Amino acid sequence: MKRVCNARNWNGLAALACLLLIPGFAKAACLNISPSFTYAPAVPSGAQSTIEVSAPAGCFWEVVSQPEWIKIVSLNRGFGSGSIVFQVLPDKKNTPGFLRLVVRDLDRRRANTVDLPIRAN
């Protein structure tokens, strides 16, 4: 009998494909949809900054909105822990805004929306 996802041999895209294609496969891994974030809330105009996301391995997160003066430089989504690199566009000083992230389990039954305040200096 063939196994669709052999967890002992997971790596890269094979692991991601199993998580995406088999509903409920990673459900138990995403019990906490309230991850922690580490970032600098004040970023100089024209500079780049990084948001570190700490979440359980089975949790999916993505940036769903940001102000027009923030450009996402890296991927805007991921699984588990990861990072988002963004740039504050030039000529934006003392401008407040929010990066909105959604964190959810793969079945989309539970979700958490988080607004991270960002200010251009």
N, C-alpha and C. Protein backbone atom coordinates (compact mmCIF):
# COMPACT_ATOMS: atom_id res chain seq x y z
N MET A 1 0.83 -1.18 0.00
CA MET A 1 0.00 0.00 0.00
C MET A 1 0.88 1.25 0.00
N LYS A 2 0.63 2.17 -0.91
CA LYS A 2 1.40 3.40 -0.98
C LYS A 2 0.89 4.39 0.05
N ARG A 3 1.83 5.12 0.64
CA ARG A 3 1.46 6.18 1.56
C ARG A 3 1.51 7.50 0.80
N VAL A 4 0.49 8.30 0.96
CA VAL A 4 0.46 9.58 0.27
C VAL A 4 1.52 10.52 0.81
N CYS A 5 1.62 10.61 2.13
CA CYS A 5 2.62 11.47 2.76
C CYS A 5 3.38 10.68 3.80
N ASN A 6 4.62 10.36 3.51
CA ASN A 6 5.46 9.66 4.45
C ASN A 6 6.19 10.71 5.28
N ALA A 7 5.74 10.95 6.49
CA ALA A 7 6.27 12.03 7.33
C ALA A 7 7.75 11.86 7.62
N ARG A 8 8.28 10.65 7.57
CA ARG A 8 9.70 10.44 7.85
C ARG A 8 10.59 10.99 6.74
N ASN A 9 10.06 11.16 5.55
CA ASN A 9 10.87 11.62 4.42
C ASN A 9 10.47 13.01 3.93
N TRP A 10 9.90 13.80 4.81
CA TRP A 10 9.47 15.14 4.41
C TRP A 10 10.67 16.04 4.15
N ASN A 11 10.55 16.84 3.09
CA ASN A 11 11.48 17.94 2.88
C ASN A 11 10.88 18.91 1.87
N GLY A 12 11.15 20.15 2.04
CA GLY A 12 10.76 21.21 1.12
C GLY A 12 9.37 21.15 0.55
N LEU A 13 9.28 21.10 -0.77
CA LEU A 13 7.99 21.15 -1.46
C LEU A 13 7.11 19.94 -1.19
N ALA A 14 7.71 18.79 -0.94
CA ALA A 14 6.91 17.60 -0.64
C ALA A 14 6.12 17.80 0.65
N ALA A 15 6.76 18.36 1.65
CA ALA A 15 6.07 18.63 2.92
C ALA A 15 4.97 19.65 2.72
N LEU A 16 5.27 20.71 1.99
CA LEU A 16 4.27 21.74 1.72
C LEU A 16 3.09 21.18 0.95
N ALA A 17 3.34 20.35 -0.04
CA ALA A 17 2.26 19.75 -0.83
C ALA A 17 1.36 18.89 0.06
N CYS A 18 1.94 18.12 0.95
CA CYS A 18 1.13 17.30 1.86
C CYS A 18 0.27 18.17 2.76
N LEU A 19 0.85 19.24 3.27
CA LEU A 19 0.09 20.13 4.15
C LEU A 19 -1.06 20.80 3.42
N LEU A 20 -0.85 21.15 2.16
CA LEU A 20 -1.88 21.86 1.40
C LEU A 20 -2.93 20.94 0.80
N LEU A 21 -2.55 19.74 0.41
CA LEU A 21 -3.45 18.87 -0.34
C LEU A 21 -4.29 17.93 0.52
N ILE A 22 -3.90 17.71 1.74
CA ILE A 22 -4.65 16.78 2.59
C ILE A 22 -5.35 17.57 3.69
N PRO A 23 -6.64 17.83 3.55
CA PRO A 23 -7.36 18.62 4.55
C PRO A 23 -7.27 17.96 5.92
N GLY A 24 -6.97 18.80 6.93
CA GLY A 24 -6.90 18.31 8.30
C GLY A 24 -5.59 17.66 8.67
N PHE A 25 -4.65 17.49 7.72
CA PHE A 25 -3.41 16.79 8.00
C PHE A 25 -2.58 17.49 9.08
N ALA A 26 -2.54 18.82 9.03
CA ALA A 26 -1.73 19.57 10.01
C ALA A 26 -2.59 20.27 11.04
N LYS A 27 -3.84 19.89 11.14
CA LYS A 27 -4.76 20.56 12.05
C LYS A 27 -4.25 20.57 13.49
N ALA A 28 -3.75 19.46 13.97
CA ALA A 28 -3.29 19.37 15.34
C ALA A 28 -2.06 20.23 15.59
N ALA A 29 -1.29 20.51 14.55
CA ALA A 29 -0.07 21.30 14.72
C ALA A 29 -0.36 22.77 14.92
N CYS A 30 -1.54 23.24 14.60
CA CYS A 30 -1.86 24.67 14.71
C CYS A 30 -2.92 24.88 15.79
N LEU A 31 -2.58 24.52 16.99
CA LEU A 31 -3.52 24.71 18.09
C LEU A 31 -3.53 26.15 18.59
N ASN A 32 -2.43 26.86 18.42
CA ASN A 32 -2.31 28.23 18.89
C ASN A 32 -2.23 29.17 17.68
N ILE A 33 -3.32 29.87 17.39
CA ILE A 33 -3.31 30.79 16.24
C ILE A 33 -3.02 32.22 16.69
N SER A 34 -2.33 32.36 17.82
CA SER A 34 -1.90 33.67 18.32
C SER A 34 -0.37 33.67 18.39
N PRO A 35 0.29 33.84 17.25
CA PRO A 35 1.75 33.80 17.24
C PRO A 35 2.34 35.06 17.87
N SER A 36 3.64 35.04 18.07
CA SER A 36 4.33 36.24 18.55
C SER A 36 5.11 36.86 17.40
N PHE A 37 5.32 38.17 17.51
CA PHE A 37 6.01 38.92 16.47
C PHE A 37 7.13 39.74 17.10
N THR A 38 8.26 39.82 16.42
CA THR A 38 9.36 40.67 16.85
C THR A 38 9.69 41.59 15.69
N TYR A 39 9.62 42.89 15.94
CA TYR A 39 9.90 43.86 14.88
C TYR A 39 10.11 45.24 15.48
N ALA A 40 10.65 46.15 14.69
CA ALA A 40 10.81 47.55 15.09
C ALA A 40 9.60 48.32 14.57
N PRO A 41 8.78 48.90 15.45
CA PRO A 41 7.58 49.60 14.99
C PRO A 41 7.86 50.93 14.30
N ALA A 42 9.06 51.50 14.50
CA ALA A 42 9.42 52.76 13.84
C ALA A 42 10.54 52.47 12.85
N VAL A 43 10.31 52.79 11.57
CA VAL A 43 11.28 52.50 10.51
C VAL A 43 11.59 53.79 9.77
N PRO A 44 12.87 54.10 9.57
CA PRO A 44 13.22 55.32 8.83
C PRO A 44 12.70 55.28 7.39
N SER A 45 12.35 56.43 6.88
CA SER A 45 11.88 56.55 5.51
C SER A 45 12.95 56.04 4.55
N GLY A 46 12.58 55.17 3.62
CA GLY A 46 13.50 54.60 2.64
C GLY A 46 14.24 53.36 3.12
N ALA A 47 14.06 52.96 4.37
CA ALA A 47 14.79 51.82 4.93
C ALA A 47 13.96 50.53 4.86
N GLN A 48 14.65 49.40 5.04
CA GLN A 48 14.00 48.11 5.13
C GLN A 48 13.97 47.64 6.57
N SER A 49 13.02 46.81 6.89
CA SER A 49 12.91 46.23 8.22
C SER A 49 12.36 44.81 8.10
N THR A 50 12.48 44.03 9.16
CA THR A 50 12.04 42.64 9.15
C THR A 50 11.10 42.39 10.31
N ILE A 51 10.04 41.65 10.05
CA ILE A 51 9.13 41.17 11.08
C ILE A 51 9.38 39.68 11.23
N GLU A 52 9.75 39.25 12.43
CA GLU A 52 9.94 37.83 12.71
C GLU A 52 8.63 37.27 13.25
N VAL A 53 8.13 36.21 12.64
CA VAL A 53 6.88 35.56 13.04
C VAL A 53 7.23 34.24 13.72
N SER A 54 6.72 34.03 14.94
CA SER A 54 6.91 32.76 15.65
C SER A 54 5.55 32.11 15.84
N ALA A 55 5.33 31.01 15.11
CA ALA A 55 4.05 30.30 15.16
C ALA A 55 4.32 28.80 15.07
N PRO A 56 3.36 27.97 15.52
CA PRO A 56 3.52 26.52 15.37
C PRO A 56 3.67 26.13 13.89
N ALA A 57 4.31 25.01 13.65
CA ALA A 57 4.64 24.57 12.29
C ALA A 57 3.44 24.47 11.36
N GLY A 58 2.28 24.09 11.82
CA GLY A 58 1.13 23.90 10.95
C GLY A 58 0.29 25.14 10.72
N CYS A 59 0.69 26.27 11.28
CA CYS A 59 -0.09 27.51 11.12
C CYS A 59 0.34 28.25 9.86
N PHE A 60 -0.64 28.69 9.10
CA PHE A 60 -0.40 29.49 7.89
C PHE A 60 -0.62 30.95 8.25
N TRP A 61 0.26 31.84 7.79
CA TRP A 61 0.08 33.26 8.02
C TRP A 61 0.37 34.01 6.73
N GLU A 62 -0.27 35.16 6.59
CA GLU A 62 -0.02 36.00 5.41
C GLU A 62 -0.37 37.45 5.70
N VAL A 63 0.33 38.35 5.02
CA VAL A 63 0.01 39.78 5.09
C VAL A 63 -1.14 40.00 4.12
N VAL A 64 -2.25 40.54 4.62
CA VAL A 64 -3.42 40.74 3.76
C VAL A 64 -3.62 42.20 3.38
N SER A 65 -3.00 43.12 4.12
CA SER A 65 -3.08 44.53 3.71
C SER A 65 -1.97 45.32 4.38
N GLN A 66 -1.59 46.40 3.72
CA GLN A 66 -0.59 47.30 4.26
C GLN A 66 -0.81 48.67 3.63
N PRO A 67 -0.29 49.73 4.26
CA PRO A 67 -0.43 51.07 3.66
C PRO A 67 0.30 51.14 2.32
N GLU A 68 -0.09 52.08 1.50
CA GLU A 68 0.53 52.21 0.17
C GLU A 68 2.00 52.59 0.25
N TRP A 69 2.45 53.10 1.38
CA TRP A 69 3.85 53.51 1.53
C TRP A 69 4.75 52.38 2.05
N ILE A 70 4.20 51.19 2.22
CA ILE A 70 5.01 50.02 2.60
C ILE A 70 5.02 49.04 1.44
N LYS A 71 6.23 48.63 1.05
CA LYS A 71 6.39 47.64 -0.02
C LYS A 71 6.93 46.35 0.61
N ILE A 72 6.23 45.24 0.40
CA ILE A 72 6.70 43.95 0.89
C ILE A 72 7.79 43.46 -0.06
N VAL A 73 8.98 43.23 0.48
CA VAL A 73 10.14 42.84 -0.34
C VAL A 73 10.27 41.31 -0.42
N SER A 74 9.91 40.60 0.64
CA SER A 74 10.00 39.14 0.66
C SER A 74 8.64 38.54 0.34
N LEU A 75 8.51 37.23 0.51
CA LEU A 75 7.19 36.61 0.41
C LEU A 75 6.29 37.18 1.50
N ASN A 76 5.02 37.29 1.22
CA ASN A 76 4.10 37.86 2.20
C ASN A 76 3.34 36.79 2.96
N ARG A 77 3.77 35.54 2.88
CA ARG A 77 3.07 34.44 3.57
C ARG A 77 4.06 33.34 3.93
N GLY A 78 3.61 32.47 4.86
CA GLY A 78 4.46 31.36 5.25
C GLY A 78 3.76 30.43 6.20
N PHE A 79 4.47 29.39 6.61
CA PHE A 79 3.99 28.40 7.57
C PHE A 79 4.91 28.41 8.77
N GLY A 80 4.34 28.33 9.97
CA GLY A 80 5.16 28.27 11.17
C GLY A 80 5.97 29.54 11.35
N SER A 81 7.19 29.39 11.81
CA SER A 81 8.04 30.56 12.03
C SER A 81 8.67 31.01 10.73
N GLY A 82 8.83 32.31 10.58
CA GLY A 82 9.42 32.86 9.37
C GLY A 82 9.58 34.36 9.51
N SER A 83 9.80 35.02 8.40
CA SER A 83 10.01 36.47 8.45
C SER A 83 9.41 37.14 7.23
N ILE A 84 9.12 38.42 7.41
CA ILE A 84 8.60 39.27 6.34
C ILE A 84 9.52 40.48 6.27
N VAL A 85 10.09 40.73 5.11
CA VAL A 85 10.93 41.90 4.91
C VAL A 85 10.10 42.93 4.15
N PHE A 86 10.11 44.16 4.67
CA PHE A 86 9.37 45.24 4.00
C PHE A 86 10.22 46.49 3.94
N GLN A 87 9.83 47.40 3.06
CA GLN A 87 10.54 48.66 2.88
C GLN A 87 9.54 49.80 3.01
N VAL A 88 9.96 50.83 3.75
CA VAL A 88 9.18 52.06 3.82
C VAL A 88 9.64 52.93 2.66
N LEU A 89 8.73 53.30 1.80
CA LEU A 89 9.09 54.09 0.63
C LEU A 89 9.61 55.47 1.05
N PRO A 90 10.51 56.08 0.24
CA PRO A 90 11.08 57.39 0.58
C PRO A 90 10.00 58.47 0.69
N ASP A 91 10.36 59.54 1.37
CA ASP A 91 9.52 60.74 1.54
C ASP A 91 8.27 60.46 2.36
N LYS A 92 8.30 59.47 3.20
CA LYS A 92 7.17 59.21 4.12
C LYS A 92 7.70 59.36 5.54
N LYS A 93 7.47 60.50 6.14
CA LYS A 93 7.93 60.74 7.51
C LYS A 93 6.74 60.97 8.41
N ASN A 94 6.86 60.47 9.65
CA ASN A 94 5.81 60.61 10.66
C ASN A 94 4.46 60.13 10.15
N THR A 95 4.48 59.04 9.41
CA THR A 95 3.26 58.48 8.86
C THR A 95 2.93 57.17 9.59
N PRO A 96 1.78 57.11 10.27
CA PRO A 96 1.41 55.86 10.94
C PRO A 96 0.65 54.92 10.00
N GLY A 97 0.71 53.65 10.30
CA GLY A 97 -0.03 52.67 9.51
C GLY A 97 0.01 51.32 10.18
N PHE A 98 -0.63 50.33 9.56
CA PHE A 98 -0.70 48.98 10.11
C PHE A 98 -0.42 47.96 9.01
N LEU A 99 0.32 46.91 9.37
CA LEU A 99 0.41 45.73 8.53
C LEU A 99 -0.59 44.75 9.12
N ARG A 100 -1.52 44.28 8.33
CA ARG A 100 -2.53 43.32 8.81
C ARG A 100 -2.14 41.92 8.38
N LEU A 101 -2.02 41.03 9.36
CA LEU A 101 -1.69 39.63 9.12
C LEU A 101 -2.86 38.76 9.55
N VAL A 102 -3.09 37.69 8.82
CA VAL A 102 -4.07 36.69 9.20
C VAL A 102 -3.32 35.40 9.46
N VAL A 103 -3.58 34.80 10.61
CA VAL A 103 -2.98 33.52 10.98
C VAL A 103 -4.13 32.53 11.10
N ARG A 104 -3.98 31.34 10.47
CA ARG A 104 -5.07 30.37 10.52
C ARG A 104 -4.55 28.95 10.40
N ASP A 105 -5.44 28.02 10.78
CA ASP A 105 -5.11 26.62 10.55
C ASP A 105 -5.40 26.33 9.08
N LEU A 106 -4.95 25.20 8.59
CA LEU A 106 -5.08 24.91 7.17
C LEU A 106 -6.51 24.62 6.74
N ASP A 107 -7.37 24.26 7.68
CA ASP A 107 -8.77 24.02 7.34
C ASP A 107 -9.58 25.31 7.27
N ARG A 108 -8.96 26.42 7.65
CA ARG A 108 -9.61 27.74 7.67
C ARG A 108 -10.82 27.78 8.60
N ARG A 109 -10.81 26.91 9.60
CA ARG A 109 -11.91 26.93 10.57
C ARG A 109 -11.65 27.93 11.67
N ARG A 110 -10.37 28.13 11.98
CA ARG A 110 -10.00 29.09 13.01
C ARG A 110 -9.01 30.07 12.42
N ALA A 111 -9.23 31.34 12.71
CA ALA A 111 -8.33 32.37 12.19
C ALA A 111 -8.19 33.48 13.22
N ASN A 112 -7.08 34.19 13.11
CA ASN A 112 -6.81 35.32 13.99
C ASN A 112 -6.22 36.44 13.13
N THR A 113 -6.79 37.63 13.23
CA THR A 113 -6.28 38.78 12.50
C THR A 113 -5.49 39.65 13.46
N VAL A 114 -4.28 40.04 13.04
CA VAL A 114 -3.39 40.84 13.88
C VAL A 114 -3.00 42.09 13.11
N ASP A 115 -3.14 43.26 13.74
CA ASP A 115 -2.68 44.51 13.16
C ASP A 115 -1.39 44.94 13.85
N LEU A 116 -0.31 45.04 13.10
CA LEU A 116 0.98 45.45 13.64
C LEU A 116 1.20 46.92 13.31
N PRO A 117 1.30 47.79 14.32
CA PRO A 117 1.50 49.21 14.02
C PRO A 117 2.92 49.48 13.49
N ILE A 118 3.00 50.27 12.45
CA ILE A 118 4.26 50.67 11.83
C ILE A 118 4.22 52.20 11.66
N ARG A 119 5.34 52.85 11.97
CA ARG A 119 5.41 54.30 11.77
C ARG A 119 6.68 54.59 10.97
N ALA A 120 6.52 55.39 9.92
CA ALA A 120 7.67 55.84 9.13
C ALA A 120 8.27 57.06 9.81
N ASN A 121 9.56 57.03 10.06
CA ASN A 121 10.26 58.16 10.70
C ASN A 121 11.04 58.97 9.68
